Every structure is written in structure tokens, then in C-alpha cells.
């Protein structure tokens, strides 16, 4: 009975088209989510590679500076000076961590707003 009423009112094709439209939109959303996931993962991998290289650079450079200072001040003195420098940097970051969090949060919000405007 429902089918005959839909056919009589010619709503059966409308229902089929609407169903097809909804299914197509769902598939489109899945593809868009996959694309965004791939984009985020690729950026994350590149970021981690860059971070690894920079970490190695800082480590090796610190060892070189410590060794060079150690020639003049003795091994312990050179490593103590470089260690003290990193302690100072760590304390500054610790002291200003709230401002750093807020600044990073604002930057991320700006990036997300730009992405929304592009769409």
C-alpha cells in the first residue's frame, strides 16, 4: 500500500534520489576524512624527521662545545657550563610555560580558522 501511494504521488523517485544523495554525501565525507588524515600523518612524519635531525644536531653541537670548553677549563668545567646553559633554558621555559601554551594555542586556532575559510 505504501508503495502504491508513493508511486501515485510520484514520490518513489524522489525518495530514491534523496537516498542516493545521502549515500553519496556519506561517501564524500569518508573520502574527505581519509584525505585529511593522510595530510596530517604526512606532515607529522616530516615534522618528526626534522625534529630528530635537529635533536641530533643540538646534541652533537653541545658535545663539541663541551669538549672545546673542557680543553680550557677541564672536562667537568666544559660539560658543567653547557649543562648549566640547558638548565637555564629549561627554567626560562618553565617560568613562561603559560604564555607559551597560550601563544601556541592561538597559532593553532588561527591555522584552523584559515582552513575553515578555504573550504
C-alpha atoms as a PDB file:
ATOM      1  CA  UNK A   1       0.000   0.000   0.000  1.00  0.00           C
ATOM      2  CA  UNK A   2       2.849   2.361   0.868  1.00  0.00           C
ATOM      3  CA  UNK A   3       4.492   1.657  -2.489  1.00  0.00           C
ATOM      4  CA  UNK A   4       1.324   2.372  -4.415  1.00  0.00           C
ATOM      5  CA  UNK A   5       0.780   5.665  -2.602  1.00  0.00           C
ATOM      6  CA  UNK A   6       4.392   6.683  -3.305  1.00  0.00           C
ATOM      7  CA  UNK A   7       4.010   5.710  -6.973  1.00  0.00           C
ATOM      8  CA  UNK A   8       0.688   7.520  -7.208  1.00  0.00           C
ATOM      9  CA  UNK A   9       2.202  10.707  -5.821  1.00  0.00           C
ATOM     10  CA  UNK A  10       5.403  10.105  -7.824  1.00  0.00           C
ATOM     11  CA  UNK A  11       7.415  10.325  -4.648  1.00  0.00           C
ATOM     12  CA  UNK A  12       9.160   6.985  -5.139  1.00  0.00           C
ATOM     13  CA  UNK A  13      11.758   8.502  -7.478  1.00  0.00           C
ATOM     14  CA  UNK A  14      12.191  11.437  -5.109  1.00  0.00           C
ATOM     15  CA  UNK A  15      12.853   9.049  -2.219  1.00  0.00           C
ATOM     16  CA  UNK A  16      15.328   7.073  -4.368  1.00  0.00           C
ATOM     17  CA  UNK A  17      17.151  10.244  -5.421  1.00  0.00           C
ATOM     18  CA  UNK A  18      17.230  11.538  -1.860  1.00  0.00           C
ATOM     19  CA  UNK A  19      18.581   8.201  -0.623  1.00  0.00           C
ATOM     20  CA  UNK A  20      21.224   8.224  -3.360  1.00  0.00           C
ATOM     21  CA  UNK A  21      22.157  11.796  -2.481  1.00  0.00           C
ATOM     22  CA  UNK A  22      22.586  10.970   1.207  1.00  0.00           C
ATOM     23  CA  UNK A  23      24.687   7.887   0.407  1.00  0.00           C
ATOM     24  CA  UNK A  24      26.857   9.933  -1.957  1.00  0.00           C
ATOM     25  CA  UNK A  25      27.378  12.622   0.683  1.00  0.00           C
ATOM     26  CA  UNK A  26      28.399   9.976   3.205  1.00  0.00           C
ATOM     27  CA  UNK A  27      30.930   8.523   0.750  1.00  0.00           C
ATOM     28  CA  UNK A  28      32.253  12.021   0.003  1.00  0.00           C
ATOM     29  CA  UNK A  29      32.703  12.702   3.711  1.00  0.00           C
ATOM     30  CA  UNK A  30      34.611   9.433   4.102  1.00  0.00           C
ATOM     31  CA  UNK A  31      36.957  10.374   1.250  1.00  0.00           C
ATOM     32  CA  UNK A  32      37.496  13.872   2.683  1.00  0.00           C
ATOM     33  CA  UNK A  33      38.277  12.457   6.135  1.00  0.00           C
ATOM     34  CA  UNK A  34      40.767   9.997   4.621  1.00  0.00           C
ATOM     35  CA  UNK A  35      42.457  12.795   2.666  1.00  0.00           C
ATOM     36  CA  UNK A  36      42.741  14.966   5.770  1.00  0.00           C
ATOM     37  CA  UNK A  37      44.118  12.028   7.776  1.00  0.00           C
ATOM     38  CA  UNK A  38      46.759  11.336   5.124  1.00  0.00           C
ATOM     39  CA  UNK A  39      47.703  15.033   5.043  1.00  0.00           C
ATOM     40  CA  UNK A  40      48.037  15.199   8.843  1.00  0.00           C
ATOM     41  CA  UNK A  41      50.027  11.958   9.027  1.00  0.00           C
ATOM     42  CA  UNK A  42      52.428  13.035   6.289  1.00  0.00           C
ATOM     43  CA  UNK A  43      53.044  16.374   7.997  1.00  0.00           C
ATOM     44  CA  UNK A  44      53.568  14.589  11.308  1.00  0.00           C
ATOM     45  CA  UNK A  45      56.142  12.220   9.800  1.00  0.00           C
ATOM     46  CA  UNK A  46      58.036  15.114   8.185  1.00  0.00           C
ATOM     47  CA  UNK A  47      57.914  17.053  11.468  1.00  0.00           C
ATOM     48  CA  UNK A  48      59.286  14.055  13.392  1.00  0.00           C
ATOM     49  CA  UNK A  49      62.127  13.582  10.902  1.00  0.00           C
ATOM     50  CA  UNK A  50      63.061  17.261  11.115  1.00  0.00           C
ATOM     51  CA  UNK A  51      62.827  17.146  14.910  1.00  0.00           C
ATOM     52  CA  UNK A  52      65.103  14.080  15.001  1.00  0.00           C
ATOM     53  CA  UNK A  53      67.726  15.738  12.807  1.00  0.00           C
ATOM     54  CA  UNK A  54      67.639  18.947  14.862  1.00  0.00           C
ATOM     55  CA  UNK A  55      67.911  16.939  18.091  1.00  0.00           C
ATOM     56  CA  UNK A  56      70.989  15.167  16.773  1.00  0.00           C
ATOM     57  CA  UNK A  57      72.478  18.499  15.708  1.00  0.00           C
ATOM     58  CA  UNK A  58      71.919  20.072  19.130  1.00  0.00           C
ATOM     59  CA  UNK A  59      73.302  17.002  20.887  1.00  0.00           C
ATOM     60  CA  UNK A  60      76.447  16.786  18.776  1.00  0.00           C
ATOM     61  CA  UNK A  61      76.993  20.547  18.823  1.00  0.00           C
ATOM     62  CA  UNK A  62      76.627  20.556  22.621  1.00  0.00           C
ATOM     63  CA  UNK A  63      79.176  17.774  22.920  1.00  0.00           C
ATOM     64  CA  UNK A  64      81.585  19.650  20.657  1.00  0.00           C
ATOM     65  CA  UNK A  65      81.221  22.883  22.656  1.00  0.00           C
ATOM     66  CA  UNK A  66      81.581  20.989  25.937  1.00  0.00           C
ATOM     67  CA  UNK A  67      84.699  19.252  24.701  1.00  0.00           C
ATOM     68  CA  UNK A  68      86.216  22.507  23.432  1.00  0.00           C
ATOM     69  CA  UNK A  69      85.449  24.308  26.703  1.00  0.00           C
ATOM     70  CA  UNK A  70      86.795  21.269  28.538  1.00  0.00           C
ATOM     71  CA  UNK A  71      90.189  21.735  26.914  1.00  0.00           C
ATOM     72  CA  UNK A  72      90.460  25.118  28.609  1.00  0.00           C
ATOM     73  CA  UNK A  73      88.567  24.586  31.877  1.00  0.00           C
ATOM     74  CA  UNK A  74      88.924  20.860  32.336  1.00  0.00           C
ATOM     75  CA  UNK A  75      86.412  18.274  31.158  1.00  0.00           C
ATOM     76  CA  UNK A  76      83.999  18.770  34.041  1.00  0.00           C
ATOM     77  CA  UNK A  77      84.025  22.550  33.638  1.00  0.00           C
ATOM     78  CA  UNK A  78      83.131  22.433  29.939  1.00  0.00           C
ATOM     79  CA  UNK A  79      80.281  19.983  30.416  1.00  0.00           C
ATOM     80  CA  UNK A  80      79.069  21.869  33.503  1.00  0.00           C
ATOM     81  CA  UNK A  81      78.868  25.151  31.577  1.00  0.00           C
ATOM     82  CA  UNK A  82      76.878  23.572  28.721  1.00  0.00           C
ATOM     83  CA  UNK A  83      74.667  21.709  31.208  1.00  0.00           C
ATOM     84  CA  UNK A  84      74.081  24.965  33.100  1.00  0.00           C
ATOM     85  CA  UNK A  85      73.082  26.666  29.852  1.00  0.00           C
ATOM     86  CA  UNK A  86      70.454  23.982  29.193  1.00  0.00           C
ATOM     87  CA  UNK A  87      69.285  24.214  32.794  1.00  0.00           C
ATOM     88  CA  UNK A  88      68.839  27.960  32.349  1.00  0.00           C
ATOM     89  CA  UNK A  89      66.903  27.461  29.107  1.00  0.00           C
ATOM     90  CA  UNK A  90      64.701  24.865  30.831  1.00  0.00           C
ATOM     91  CA  UNK A  91      63.982  27.192  33.757  1.00  0.00           C
ATOM     92  CA  UNK A  92      63.050  30.052  31.407  1.00  0.00           C
ATOM     93  CA  UNK A  93      60.670  27.758  29.520  1.00  0.00           C
ATOM     94  CA  UNK A  94      59.222  26.546  32.816  1.00  0.00           C
ATOM     95  CA  UNK A  95      58.723  30.106  34.045  1.00  0.00           C
ATOM     96  CA  UNK A  96      56.947  31.211  30.853  1.00  0.00           C
ATOM     97  CA  UNK A  97      55.100  27.972  30.106  1.00  0.00           C
ATOM     98  CA  UNK A  98      51.628  29.532  30.412  1.00  0.00           C
ATOM     99  CA  UNK A  99      52.453  32.257  27.894  1.00  0.00           C
ATOM    100  CA  UNK A 100      53.975  29.638  25.588  1.00  0.00           C
ATOM    101  CA  UNK A 101      50.856  27.443  25.845  1.00  0.00           C
ATOM    102  CA  UNK A 102      48.589  30.390  25.069  1.00  0.00           C
ATOM    103  CA  UNK A 103      50.697  31.514  22.107  1.00  0.00           C
ATOM    104  CA  UNK A 104      50.775  28.003  20.626  1.00  0.00           C
ATOM    105  CA  UNK A 105      47.034  27.648  21.221  1.00  0.00           C
ATOM    106  CA  UNK A 106      46.343  30.947  19.408  1.00  0.00           C
ATOM    107  CA  UNK A 107      48.514  29.926  16.465  1.00  0.00           C
ATOM    108  CA  UNK A 108      46.723  26.584  16.158  1.00  0.00           C
ATOM    109  CA  UNK A 109      43.338  28.325  16.290  1.00  0.00           C
ATOM    110  CA  UNK A 110      44.460  30.713  13.517  1.00  0.00           C
ATOM    111  CA  UNK A 111      45.555  27.783  11.365  1.00  0.00           C
ATOM    112  CA  UNK A 112      42.233  26.025  11.905  1.00  0.00           C
ATOM    113  CA  UNK A 113      40.297  29.216  11.072  1.00  0.00           C
ATOM    114  CA  UNK A 114      42.258  29.599   7.815  1.00  0.00           C
ATOM    115  CA  UNK A 115      41.451  26.006   6.880  1.00  0.00           C
ATOM    116  CA  UNK A 116      37.737  26.580   7.538  1.00  0.00           C
ATOM    117  CA  UNK A 117      37.760  29.731   5.389  1.00  0.00           C
ATOM    118  CA  UNK A 118      39.363  27.831   2.479  1.00  0.00           C
ATOM    119  CA  UNK A 119      36.505  25.321   2.440  1.00  0.00           C
END
